[in-house]
C-alpha cells in the first residue's frame, strides 16, 4: 500500500519536474521504496536491540 501511495506521488513529480518517461519514473520510485524499506528495517532493528518499542507510528 505504501509503495502505491508513495509511487503515485513520486512518479508524478519525477515526470513533471525531471522530464523523464513514465517507466523510468516508476522504476526510480520502486528503487526509492526498496531503499526506504531497508533503512527503516535497519533502524527498527537497532531500536529493538536497545529494548525500545517500535510499534508507534510517529516515534
Protein backbone atom coordinates (compact mmCIF):
# COMPACT_ATOMS: atom_id res chain seq x y z
CA UNK A 1 0.00 0.00 0.00
CA UNK A 2 2.76 2.41 0.93
CA UNK A 3 4.51 1.64 -2.35
CA UNK A 4 1.38 2.60 -4.29
CA UNK A 5 0.80 5.88 -2.46
CA UNK A 6 4.45 6.97 -2.48
CA UNK A 7 4.87 5.72 -6.03
CA UNK A 8 1.92 7.73 -7.31
CA UNK A 9 3.32 10.90 -5.80
CA UNK A 10 6.97 10.34 -6.73
CA UNK A 11 6.20 9.21 -10.28
CA UNK A 12 4.12 12.29 -10.97
CA UNK A 13 6.76 14.61 -9.53
CA UNK A 14 9.55 12.94 -11.49
CA UNK A 15 7.64 13.04 -14.76
CA UNK A 16 6.71 16.68 -14.27
CA UNK A 17 9.91 18.15 -12.81
CA UNK A 18 12.66 15.87 -14.12
CA UNK A 19 11.13 15.38 -17.57
CA UNK A 20 11.69 11.62 -17.59
CA UNK A 21 9.47 8.93 -19.09
CA UNK A 22 6.78 7.28 -17.03
CA UNK A 23 8.55 3.90 -16.95
CA UNK A 24 11.82 5.45 -15.76
CA UNK A 25 9.95 7.36 -13.08
CA UNK A 26 8.19 4.17 -11.95
CA UNK A 27 11.48 2.27 -11.77
CA UNK A 28 13.06 5.09 -9.77
CA UNK A 29 10.09 5.25 -7.38
CA UNK A 30 10.32 1.48 -6.86
CA UNK A 31 14.05 1.72 -6.14
CA UNK A 32 13.47 4.54 -3.64
CA UNK A 33 10.75 2.49 -1.92
CA UNK A 34 13.09 -0.50 -1.59
CA UNK A 35 15.87 1.69 -0.18
CA UNK A 36 13.47 3.29 2.31
CA UNK A 37 12.24 -0.16 3.39
CA UNK A 38 15.76 -1.37 4.17
CA UNK A 39 16.66 1.84 6.01
CA UNK A 40 13.50 1.61 8.13
CA UNK A 41 14.04 -2.09 8.83
CA UNK A 42 17.62 -1.45 9.91
CA UNK A 43 16.51 1.45 12.13
CA UNK A 44 13.75 -0.65 13.73
CA UNK A 45 16.20 -3.50 14.36
CA UNK A 46 18.59 -1.15 16.16
CA UNK A 47 15.75 0.16 18.32
CA UNK A 48 14.68 -3.38 19.19
CA UNK A 49 18.26 -4.26 20.14
CA UNK A 50 18.23 -1.37 22.61
CA UNK A 51 14.92 -2.56 24.03
CA UNK A 52 12.83 0.33 22.69
CA UNK A 53 9.34 -0.06 21.29
CA UNK A 54 8.99 0.11 17.50
CA UNK A 55 5.22 -0.20 17.30
CA UNK A 56 4.47 3.53 17.46
CA UNK A 57 3.76 5.17 14.12
CA UNK A 58 5.41 8.51 14.90
CA UNK A 59 8.24 7.64 17.27
